[in-house]
Amino acid sequence: MVSFVVRFKFAPEDRAEMAEAVRILAAESRREPGCVSYIPHHSEEDPNTIVIYEQYRDEQSLAAHRESPHFKKYGVGGLLQRMKDRSMENLVALD
């Protein structure tokens, strides 16, 4: 299982547009066969920060996600172009 959290910070004027892009990206990503979980949030303390919790069955599933048309359009072409800051935290499940 591949799990991680991504945080994006946006300018206030981009908030609504980026939230809609994330909603579409989440809906499309959840349809991928290797996607286990794709849960977007916005920070309660900072509504200009979007946090996405993602899980994929394996590295191949994550690679397929990153090559998908919806990721290229809404992720690479949208979120990554408008972000002011980004961080990613890889997670390892406790057994």
PDB file of N, CA and C in Angstrom:
ATOM      1  N   MET A   1       0.846  -1.178   0.000  1.00  0.00           N
ATOM      2  CA  MET A   1       0.000   0.000   0.000  1.00  0.00           C
ATOM      3  C   MET A   1       0.892   1.242   0.000  1.00  0.00           C
ATOM      4  N   VAL A   2       0.534   2.217  -0.813  1.00  0.00           N
ATOM      5  CA  VAL A   2       1.237   3.493  -0.878  1.00  0.00           C
ATOM      6  C   VAL A   2       0.281   4.558  -0.331  1.00  0.00           C
ATOM      7  N   SER A   3       0.698   5.231   0.736  1.00  0.00           N
ATOM      8  CA  SER A   3      -0.144   6.251   1.371  1.00  0.00           C
ATOM      9  C   SER A   3       0.654   7.524   1.556  1.00  0.00           C
ATOM     10  N   PHE A   4      -0.001   8.664   1.355  1.00  0.00           N
ATOM     11  CA  PHE A   4       0.658   9.939   1.574  1.00  0.00           C
ATOM     12  C   PHE A   4      -0.360  11.059   1.718  1.00  0.00           C
ATOM     13  N   VAL A   5       0.139  12.191   2.219  1.00  0.00           N
ATOM     14  CA  VAL A   5      -0.646  13.406   2.375  1.00  0.00           C
ATOM     15  C   VAL A   5       0.068  14.504   1.604  1.00  0.00           C
ATOM     16  N   VAL A   6      -0.701  15.255   0.821  1.00  0.00           N
ATOM     17  CA  VAL A   6      -0.151  16.390   0.082  1.00  0.00           C
ATOM     18  C   VAL A   6      -0.868  17.652   0.540  1.00  0.00           C
ATOM     19  N   ARG A   7      -0.102  18.706   0.799  1.00  0.00           N
ATOM     20  CA  ARG A   7      -0.664  20.006   1.186  1.00  0.00           C
ATOM     21  C   ARG A   7      -0.316  21.032   0.118  1.00  0.00           C
ATOM     22  N   PHE A   8      -1.326  21.761  -0.321  1.00  0.00           N
ATOM     23  CA  PHE A   8      -1.152  22.832  -1.299  1.00  0.00           C
ATOM     24  C   PHE A   8      -1.660  24.125  -0.683  1.00  0.00           C
ATOM     25  N   LYS A   9      -0.913  25.193  -0.849  1.00  0.00           N
ATOM     26  CA  LYS A   9      -1.363  26.508  -0.402  1.00  0.00           C
ATOM     27  C   LYS A   9      -1.584  27.363  -1.647  1.00  0.00           C
ATOM     28  N   PHE A  10      -2.729  28.052  -1.663  1.00  0.00           N
ATOM     29  CA  PHE A  10      -3.114  28.872  -2.812  1.00  0.00           C
ATOM     30  C   PHE A  10      -3.400  30.305  -2.384  1.00  0.00           C
ATOM     31  N   ALA A  11      -3.364  31.199  -3.341  1.00  0.00           N
ATOM     32  CA  ALA A  11      -3.763  32.581  -3.089  1.00  0.00           C
ATOM     33  C   ALA A  11      -5.269  32.604  -2.842  1.00  0.00           C
ATOM     34  N   PRO A  12      -5.746  33.501  -1.999  1.00  0.00           N
ATOM     35  CA  PRO A  12      -7.184  33.566  -1.703  1.00  0.00           C
ATOM     36  C   PRO A  12      -8.062  33.680  -2.952  1.00  0.00           C
ATOM     37  N   GLU A  13      -7.599  34.408  -3.940  1.00  0.00           N
ATOM     38  CA  GLU A  13      -8.403  34.579  -5.157  1.00  0.00           C
ATOM     39  C   GLU A  13      -8.498  33.297  -5.996  1.00  0.00           C
ATOM     40  N   ASP A  14      -7.645  32.314  -5.741  1.00  0.00           N
ATOM     41  CA  ASP A  14      -7.680  31.042  -6.470  1.00  0.00           C
ATOM     42  C   ASP A  14      -8.443  29.950  -5.718  1.00  0.00           C
ATOM     43  N   ARG A  15      -8.867  30.235  -4.496  1.00  0.00           N
ATOM     44  CA  ARG A  15      -9.458  29.218  -3.612  1.00  0.00           C
ATOM     45  C   ARG A  15     -10.627  28.475  -4.258  1.00  0.00           C
ATOM     46  N   ALA A  16     -11.617  29.163  -4.764  1.00  0.00           N
ATOM     47  CA  ALA A  16     -12.813  28.506  -5.308  1.00  0.00           C
ATOM     48  C   ALA A  16     -12.480  27.664  -6.538  1.00  0.00           C
ATOM     49  N   GLU A  17     -11.676  28.200  -7.414  1.00  0.00           N
ATOM     50  CA  GLU A  17     -11.309  27.474  -8.635  1.00  0.00           C
ATOM     51  C   GLU A  17     -10.497  26.218  -8.319  1.00  0.00           C
ATOM     52  N   MET A  18      -9.571  26.322  -7.386  1.00  0.00           N
ATOM     53  CA  MET A  18      -8.754  25.171  -7.032  1.00  0.00           C
ATOM     54  C   MET A  18      -9.563  24.126  -6.266  1.00  0.00           C
ATOM     55  N   ALA A  19     -10.494  24.557  -5.440  1.00  0.00           N
ATOM     56  CA  ALA A  19     -11.361  23.609  -4.736  1.00  0.00           C
ATOM     57  C   ALA A  19     -12.195  22.816  -5.741  1.00  0.00           C
ATOM     58  N   GLU A  20     -12.683  23.459  -6.768  1.00  0.00           N
ATOM     59  CA  GLU A  20     -13.462  22.750  -7.791  1.00  0.00           C
ATOM     60  C   GLU A  20     -12.571  21.790  -8.567  1.00  0.00           C
ATOM     61  N   ALA A  21     -11.353  22.195  -8.893  1.00  0.00           N
ATOM     62  CA  ALA A  21     -10.418  21.304  -9.588  1.00  0.00           C
ATOM     63  C   ALA A  21     -10.142  20.062  -8.741  1.00  0.00           C
ATOM     64  N   VAL A  22      -9.991  20.242  -7.438  1.00  0.00           N
ATOM     65  CA  VAL A  22      -9.729  19.109  -6.544  1.00  0.00           C
ATOM     66  C   VAL A  22     -10.947  18.195  -6.468  1.00  0.00           C
ATOM     67  N   ARG A  23     -12.142  18.754  -6.444  1.00  0.00           N
ATOM     68  CA  ARG A  23     -13.352  17.917  -6.422  1.00  0.00           C
ATOM     69  C   ARG A  23     -13.420  17.017  -7.665  1.00  0.00           C
ATOM     70  N   ILE A  24     -13.141  17.598  -8.816  1.00  0.00           N
ATOM     71  CA  ILE A  24     -13.161  16.825 -10.068  1.00  0.00           C
ATOM     72  C   ILE A  24     -12.049  15.785 -10.054  1.00  0.00           C
ATOM     73  N   LEU A  25     -10.857  16.197  -9.670  1.00  0.00           N
ATOM     74  CA  LEU A  25      -9.715  15.278  -9.607  1.00  0.00           C
ATOM     75  C   LEU A  25     -10.007  14.122  -8.659  1.00  0.00           C
ATOM     76  N   ALA A  26     -10.605  14.406  -7.524  1.00  0.00           N
ATOM     77  CA  ALA A  26     -10.935  13.354  -6.553  1.00  0.00           C
ATOM     78  C   ALA A  26     -11.938  12.369  -7.135  1.00  0.00           C
ATOM     79  N   ALA A  27     -12.987  12.878  -7.762  1.00  0.00           N
ATOM     80  CA  ALA A  27     -14.015  11.994  -8.335  1.00  0.00           C
ATOM     81  C   ALA A  27     -13.419  11.085  -9.399  1.00  0.00           C
ATOM     82  N   GLU A  28     -12.592  11.633 -10.264  1.00  0.00           N
ATOM     83  CA  GLU A  28     -11.964  10.835 -11.326  1.00  0.00           C
ATOM     84  C   GLU A  28     -10.948   9.853 -10.748  1.00  0.00           C
ATOM     85  N   SER A  29     -10.153  10.292  -9.785  1.00  0.00           N
ATOM     86  CA  SER A  29      -9.128   9.434  -9.192  1.00  0.00           C
ATOM     87  C   SER A  29      -9.746   8.237  -8.481  1.00  0.00           C
ATOM     88  N   ARG A  30     -10.870   8.441  -7.820  1.00  0.00           N
ATOM     89  CA  ARG A  30     -11.540   7.348  -7.108  1.00  0.00           C
ATOM     90  C   ARG A  30     -12.023   6.252  -8.050  1.00  0.00           C
ATOM     91  N   ARG A  31     -12.159   6.560  -9.325  1.00  0.00           N
ATOM     92  CA  ARG A  31     -12.580   5.560 -10.321  1.00  0.00           C
ATOM     93  C   ARG A  31     -11.418   4.696 -10.813  1.00  0.00           C
ATOM     94  N   GLU A  32     -10.193   5.084 -10.494  1.00  0.00           N
ATOM     95  CA  GLU A  32      -9.029   4.316 -10.929  1.00  0.00           C
ATOM     96  C   GLU A  32      -9.010   2.972 -10.202  1.00  0.00           C
ATOM     97  N   PRO A  33      -8.722   1.879 -10.909  1.00  0.00           N
ATOM     98  CA  PRO A  33      -8.727   0.567 -10.261  1.00  0.00           C
ATOM     99  C   PRO A  33      -7.760   0.436  -9.091  1.00  0.00           C
ATOM    100  N   GLY A  34      -6.637   1.125  -9.119  1.00  0.00           N
ATOM    101  CA  GLY A  34      -5.647   0.990  -8.049  1.00  0.00           C
ATOM    102  C   GLY A  34      -5.775   2.001  -6.930  1.00  0.00           C
ATOM    103  N   CYS A  35      -6.761   2.903  -7.031  1.00  0.00           N
ATOM    104  CA  CYS A  35      -6.954   3.909  -5.988  1.00  0.00           C
ATOM    105  C   CYS A  35      -7.769   3.313  -4.847  1.00  0.00           C
ATOM    106  N   VAL A  36      -7.209   3.319  -3.661  1.00  0.00           N
ATOM    107  CA  VAL A  36      -7.897   2.816  -2.474  1.00  0.00           C
ATOM    108  C   VAL A  36      -8.671   3.944  -1.809  1.00  0.00           C
ATOM    109  N   SER A  37      -8.052   5.130  -1.730  1.00  0.00           N
ATOM    110  CA  SER A  37      -8.665   6.256  -1.042  1.00  0.00           C
ATOM    111  C   SER A  37      -8.104   7.554  -1.598  1.00  0.00           C
ATOM    112  N   TYR A  38      -8.969   8.536  -1.794  1.00  0.00           N
ATOM    113  CA  TYR A  38      -8.556   9.863  -2.260  1.00  0.00           C
ATOM    114  C   TYR A  38      -9.495  10.855  -1.592  1.00  0.00           C
ATOM    115  N   ILE A  39      -9.020  11.489  -0.519  1.00  0.00           N
ATOM    116  CA  ILE A  39      -9.897  12.314   0.305  1.00  0.00           C
ATOM    117  C   ILE A  39      -9.328  13.729   0.408  1.00  0.00           C
ATOM    118  N   PRO A  40      -9.933  14.690  -0.289  1.00  0.00           N
ATOM    119  CA  PRO A  40      -9.470  16.074  -0.187  1.00  0.00           C
ATOM    120  C   PRO A  40     -10.134  16.798   0.984  1.00  0.00           C
ATOM    121  N   HIS A  41      -9.399  17.736   1.556  1.00  0.00           N
ATOM    122  CA  HIS A  41      -9.876  18.566   2.664  1.00  0.00           C
ATOM    123  C   HIS A  41      -9.383  19.993   2.434  1.00  0.00           C
ATOM    124  N   HIS A  42      -9.957  20.933   3.145  1.00  0.00           N
ATOM    125  CA  HIS A  42      -9.290  22.222   3.285  1.00  0.00           C
ATOM    126  C   HIS A  42      -9.032  22.402   4.768  1.00  0.00           C
ATOM    127  N   SER A  43      -7.996  23.123   5.055  1.00  0.00           N
ATOM    128  CA  SER A  43      -7.608  23.331   6.448  1.00  0.00           C
ATOM    129  C   SER A  43      -8.625  24.237   7.136  1.00  0.00           C
ATOM    130  N   GLU A  44      -9.072  23.839   8.304  1.00  0.00           N
ATOM    131  CA  GLU A  44     -10.010  24.663   9.064  1.00  0.00           C
ATOM    132  C   GLU A  44      -9.345  25.973   9.486  1.00  0.00           C
ATOM    133  N   GLU A  45      -8.054  25.904   9.798  1.00  0.00           N
ATOM    134  CA  GLU A  45      -7.318  27.096  10.222  1.00  0.00           C
ATOM    135  C   GLU A  45      -6.958  28.007   9.057  1.00  0.00           C
ATOM    136  N   ASP A  46      -6.786  27.437   7.866  1.00  0.00           N
ATOM    137  CA  ASP A  46      -6.397  28.217   6.690  1.00  0.00           C
ATOM    138  C   ASP A  46      -7.146  27.688   5.471  1.00  0.00           C
ATOM    139  N   PRO A  47      -8.268  28.296   5.109  1.00  0.00           N
ATOM    140  CA  PRO A  47      -9.053  27.798   3.984  1.00  0.00           C
ATOM    141  C   PRO A  47      -8.338  27.891   2.634  1.00  0.00           C
ATOM    142  N   ASN A  48      -7.181  28.546   2.582  1.00  0.00           N
ATOM    143  CA  ASN A  48      -6.390  28.612   1.352  1.00  0.00           C
ATOM    144  C   ASN A  48      -5.456  27.414   1.220  1.00  0.00           C
ATOM    145  N   THR A  49      -5.516  26.495   2.173  1.00  0.00           N
ATOM    146  CA  THR A  49      -4.694  25.291   2.145  1.00  0.00           C
ATOM    147  C   THR A  49      -5.586  24.079   1.909  1.00  0.00           C
ATOM    148  N   ILE A  50      -5.259  23.320   0.876  1.00  0.00           N
ATOM    149  CA  ILE A  50      -5.954  22.073   0.554  1.00  0.00           C
ATOM    150  C   ILE A  50      -5.045  20.921   0.946  1.00  0.00           C
ATOM    151  N   VAL A  51      -5.614  19.934   1.616  1.00  0.00           N
ATOM    152  CA  VAL A  51      -4.874  18.752   2.061  1.00  0.00           C
ATOM    153  C   VAL A  51      -5.548  17.536   1.440  1.00  0.00           C
ATOM    154  N   ILE A  52      -4.765  16.691   0.772  1.00  0.00           N
ATOM    155  CA  ILE A  52      -5.318  15.492   0.132  1.00  0.00           C
ATOM    156  C   ILE A  52      -4.647  14.261   0.734  1.00  0.00           C
ATOM    157  N   TYR A  53      -5.470  13.347   1.242  1.00  0.00           N
ATOM    158  CA  TYR A  53      -4.989  12.055   1.735  1.00  0.00           C
ATOM    159  C   TYR A  53      -5.233  11.050   0.621  1.00  0.00           C
ATOM    160  N   GLU A  54      -4.163  10.366   0.182  1.00  0.00           N
ATOM    161  CA  GLU A  54      -4.262   9.422  -0.931  1.00  0.00           C
ATOM    162  C   GLU A  54      -3.687   8.068  -0.542  1.00  0.00           C
ATOM    163  N   GLN A  55      -4.322   7.016  -1.041  1.00  0.00           N
ATOM    164  CA  GLN A  55      -3.809   5.650  -0.892  1.00  0.00           C
ATOM    165  C   GLN A  55      -3.983   4.928  -2.226  1.00  0.00           C
ATOM    166  N   TYR A  56      -2.944   4.190  -2.593  1.00  0.00           N
ATOM    167  CA  TYR A  56      -2.963   3.376  -3.813  1.00  0.00           C
ATOM    168  C   TYR A  56      -2.519   1.962  -3.462  1.00  0.00           C
ATOM    169  N   ARG A  57      -3.000   1.020  -4.234  1.00  0.00           N
ATOM    170  CA  ARG A  57      -2.704  -0.392  -3.978  1.00  0.00           C
ATOM    171  C   ARG A  57      -1.206  -0.667  -3.985  1.00  0.00           C
ATOM    172  N   ASP A  58      -0.475  -0.023  -4.917  1.00  0.00           N
ATOM    173  CA  ASP A  58       0.964  -0.264  -5.062  1.00  0.00           C
ATOM    174  C   ASP A  58       1.578   0.868  -5.881  1.00  0.00           C
ATOM    175  N   GLU A  59       2.875   0.810  -6.077  1.00  0.00           N
ATOM    176  CA  GLU A  59       3.592   1.851  -6.827  1.00  0.00           C
ATOM    177  C   GLU A  59       3.108   1.951  -8.275  1.00  0.00           C
ATOM    178  N   GLN A  60       2.750   0.813  -8.873  1.00  0.00           N
ATOM    179  CA  GLN A  60       2.254   0.825 -10.251  1.00  0.00           C
ATOM    180  C   GLN A  60       0.927   1.581 -10.347  1.00  0.00           C
ATOM    181  N   SER A  61       0.086   1.427  -9.343  1.00  0.00           N
ATOM    182  CA  SER A  61      -1.194   2.144  -9.317  1.00  0.00           C
ATOM    183  C   SER A  61      -0.968   3.649  -9.185  1.00  0.00           C
ATOM    184  N   LEU A  62      -0.009   4.026  -8.355  1.00  0.00           N
ATOM    185  CA  LEU A  62       0.321   5.449  -8.217  1.00  0.00           C
ATOM    186  C   LEU A  62       0.887   5.988  -9.525  1.00  0.00           C
ATOM    187  N   ALA A  63       1.749   5.228 -10.173  1.00  0.00           N
ATOM    188  CA  ALA A  63       2.313   5.653 -11.455  1.00  0.00           C
ATOM    189  C   ALA A  63       1.210   5.823 -12.500  1.00  0.00           C
ATOM    190  N   ALA A  64       0.240   4.911 -12.515  1.00  0.00           N
ATOM    191  CA  ALA A  64      -0.892   5.017 -13.449  1.00  0.00           C
ATOM    192  C   ALA A  64      -1.707   6.275 -13.147  1.00  0.00           C
ATOM    193  N   HIS A  65      -1.900   6.575 -11.878  1.00  0.00           N
ATOM    194  CA  HIS A  65      -2.619   7.793 -11.490  1.00  0.00           C
ATOM    195  C   HIS A  65      -1.907   9.026 -12.042  1.00  0.00           C
ATOM    196  N   ARG A  66      -0.599   9.063 -11.882  1.00  0.00           N
ATOM    197  CA  ARG A  66       0.165  10.232 -12.329  1.00  0.00           C
ATOM    198  C   ARG A  66       0.217  10.373 -13.847  1.00  0.00           C
ATOM    199  N   GLU A  67      -0.109   9.314 -14.558  1.00  0.00           N
ATOM    200  CA  GLU A  67      -0.158   9.364 -16.024  1.00  0.00           C
ATOM    201  C   GLU A  67      -1.578   9.563 -16.554  1.00  0.00           C
ATOM    202  N   SER A  68      -2.558   9.586 -15.678  1.00  0.00           N
ATOM    203  CA  SER A  68      -3.960   9.687 -16.104  1.00  0.00           C
ATOM    204  C   SER A  68      -4.264  11.076 -16.683  1.00  0.00           C
ATOM    205  N   PRO A  69      -5.196  11.136 -17.630  1.00  0.00           N
ATOM    206  CA  PRO A  69      -5.576  12.435 -18.212  1.00  0.00           C
ATOM    207  C   PRO A  69      -6.095  13.422 -17.164  1.00  0.00           C
ATOM    208  N   HIS A  70      -6.863  12.943 -16.188  1.00  0.00           N
ATOM    209  CA  HIS A  70      -7.409  13.865 -15.187  1.00  0.00           C
ATOM    210  C   HIS A  70      -6.322  14.414 -14.272  1.00  0.00           C
ATOM    211  N   PHE A  71      -5.304  13.609 -13.935  1.00  0.00           N
ATOM    212  CA  PHE A  71      -4.207  14.128 -13.120  1.00  0.00           C
ATOM    213  C   PHE A  71      -3.416  15.172 -13.911  1.00  0.00           C
ATOM    214  N   LYS A  72      -3.164  14.893 -15.177  1.00  0.00           N
ATOM    215  CA  LYS A  72      -2.416  15.838 -15.997  1.00  0.00           C
ATOM    216  C   LYS A  72      -3.180  17.148 -16.169  1.00  0.00           C
ATOM    217  N   LYS A  73      -4.497  17.058 -16.321  1.00  0.00           N
ATOM    218  CA  LYS A  73      -5.294  18.273 -16.517  1.00  0.00           C
ATOM    219  C   LYS A  73      -5.476  19.057 -15.221  1.00  0.00           C
ATOM    220  N   TYR A  74      -5.967  18.406 -14.169  1.00  0.00           N
ATOM    221  CA  TYR A  74      -6.317  19.116 -12.937  1.00  0.00           C
ATOM    222  C   TYR A  74      -5.176  19.199 -11.923  1.00  0.00           C
ATOM    223  N   GLY A  75      -4.300  18.204 -11.928  1.00  0.00           N
ATOM    224  CA  GLY A  75      -3.152  18.220 -11.024  1.00  0.00           C
ATOM    225  C   GLY A  75      -2.015  19.048 -11.592  1.00  0.00           C
ATOM    226  N   VAL A  76      -1.411  18.533 -12.655  1.00  0.00           N
ATOM    227  CA  VAL A  76      -0.261  19.203 -13.258  1.00  0.00           C
ATOM    228  C   VAL A  76      -0.658  20.535 -13.894  1.00  0.00           C
ATOM    229  N   GLY A  77      -1.742  20.538 -14.652  1.00  0.00           N
ATOM    230  CA  GLY A  77      -2.154  21.747 -15.364  1.00  0.00           C
ATOM    231  C   GLY A  77      -2.909  22.751 -14.516  1.00  0.00           C
ATOM    232  N   GLY A  78      -3.359  22.344 -13.344  1.00  0.00           N
ATOM    233  CA  GLY A  78      -4.141  23.235 -12.488  1.00  0.00           C
ATOM    234  C   GLY A  78      -3.468  23.504 -11.162  1.00  0.00           C
ATOM    235  N   LEU A  79      -3.548  22.516 -10.261  1.00  0.00           N
ATOM    236  CA  LEU A  79      -3.034  22.700  -8.899  1.00  0.00           C
ATOM    237  C   LEU A  79      -1.562  23.091  -8.870  1.00  0.00           C
ATOM    238  N   LEU A  80      -0.741  22.356  -9.587  1.00  0.00           N
ATOM    239  CA  LEU A  80       0.704  22.604  -9.535  1.00  0.00           C
ATOM    240  C   LEU A  80       1.086  23.945 -10.155  1.00  0.00           C
ATOM    241  N   GLN A  81       0.259  24.448 -11.070  1.00  0.00           N
ATOM    242  CA  GLN A  81       0.545  25.733 -11.704  1.00  0.00           C
ATOM    243  C   GLN A  81       0.190  26.914 -10.816  1.00  0.00           C
ATOM    244  N   ARG A  82      -0.814  26.742  -9.951  1.00  0.00           N
ATOM    245  CA  ARG A  82      -1.333  27.857  -9.148  1.00  0.00           C
ATOM    246  C   ARG A  82      -0.889  27.835  -7.690  1.00  0.00           C
ATOM    247  N   MET A  83      -0.247  26.766  -7.254  1.00  0.00           N
ATOM    248  CA  MET A  83       0.116  26.658  -5.841  1.00  0.00           C
ATOM    249  C   MET A  83       1.186  27.680  -5.469  1.00  0.00           C
ATOM    250  N   LYS A  84       1.104  28.124  -4.237  1.00  0.00           N
ATOM    251  CA  LYS A  84       2.119  29.014  -3.675  1.00  0.00           C
ATOM    252  C   LYS A  84       3.142  28.206  -2.896  1.00  0.00           C
ATOM    253  N   ASP A  85       2.702  27.065  -2.370  1.00  0.00           N
ATOM    254  CA  ASP A  85       3.564  26.193  -1.582  1.00  0.00           C
ATOM    255  C   ASP A  85       2.994  24.783  -1.647  1.00  0.00           C
ATOM    256  N   ARG A  86       3.867  23.780  -1.544  1.00  0.00           N
ATOM    257  CA  ARG A  86       3.437  22.379  -1.585  1.00  0.00           C
ATOM    258  C   ARG A  86       4.349  21.568  -0.696  1.00  0.00           C
ATOM    259  N   SER A  87       3.758  20.624   0.028  1.00  0.00           N
ATOM    260  CA  SER A  87       4.552  19.664   0.776  1.00  0.00           C
ATOM    261  C   SER A  87       3.878  18.306   0.663  1.00  0.00           C
ATOM    262  N   MET A  88       4.690  17.265   0.756  1.00  0.00           N
ATOM    263  CA  MET A  88       4.182  15.899   0.664  1.00  0.00           C
ATOM    264  C   MET A  88       4.806  15.077   1.773  1.00  0.00           C
ATOM    265  N   GLU A  89       3.978  14.275   2.412  1.00  0.00           N
ATOM    266  CA  GLU A  89       4.445  13.421   3.505  1.00  0.00           C
ATOM    267  C   GLU A  89       4.061  11.983   3.183  1.00  0.00           C
ATOM    268  N   ASN A  90       5.063  11.131   2.970  1.00  0.00           N
ATOM    269  CA  ASN A  90       4.816   9.705   2.741  1.00  0.00           C
ATOM    270  C   ASN A  90       4.537   9.040   4.070  1.00  0.00           C
ATOM    271  N   LEU A  91       3.596   8.122   4.084  1.00  0.00           N
ATOM    272  CA  LEU A  91       3.162   7.470   5.306  1.00  0.00           C
ATOM    273  C   LEU A  91       3.419   5.972   5.255  1.00  0.00           C
ATOM    274  N   VAL A  92       3.723   5.392   6.400  1.00  0.00           N
ATOM    275  CA  VAL A  92       3.905   3.954   6.523  1.00  0.00           C
ATOM    276  C   VAL A  92       2.941   3.473   7.609  1.00  0.00           C
ATOM    277  N   ALA A  93       2.116   2.501   7.287  1.00  0.00           N
ATOM    278  CA  ALA A  93       1.118   1.995   8.226  1.00  0.00           C
ATOM    279  C   ALA A  93       1.792   1.270   9.389  1.00  0.00           C
ATOM    280  N   LEU A  94       1.246   1.454  10.561  1.00  0.00           N
ATOM    281  CA  LEU A  94       1.711   0.725  11.727  1.00  0.00           C
ATOM    282  C   LEU A  94       1.030  -0.651  11.728  1.00  0.00           C
ATOM    283  N   ASP A  95       1.789  -1.668  11.976  1.00  0.00           N
ATOM    284  CA  ASP A  95       1.207  -3.026  12.009  1.00  0.00           C
ATOM    285  C   ASP A  95       0.775  -3.385  13.409  1.00  0.00           C
TER     286      ASP A  95
END
